[in-house]
Amino acid sequence: MAIQLINGSGIQYPAIVNHDGSLRMAGIDTTYAQRMDYTSDGYVEYIGLANPNVGTGSLSWQIRKMTYSGTYITFVGFASGTSGAGLFNKSWTDRGTYTYV
């Protein structure tokens, strides 16, 4: 079941209700370590996934970037480059340098 969560600032986030009734952000696998980076307005801009205990500079991250129109997410892109998009081969510390497709 997919729903939209709205925080106190009116920002919407897609969420999924798990079988135990807990919520998680849609499209996020909870078996991975996660990092998030926010815009100055409090919107989630980047989500990074990697195996636990991986350093932020390691080329072992899958990174997604959200684009907004107002408070709505209009695009979720994967970091790409010469080695493809959506792979676990990016550096979290370099997230701002990638192209997102």
Foldseek 3Di string as FASTA:
>chain_A
DWDWDQDPLRATFIWDQDPVRDIDGPPDDPQWDWDFDADPSGHTAKIWTFHPPDDLQFQFIWMWGFDDDVRDTDDIFTFQDPVGGRGRGHHNVCVVVTDTD
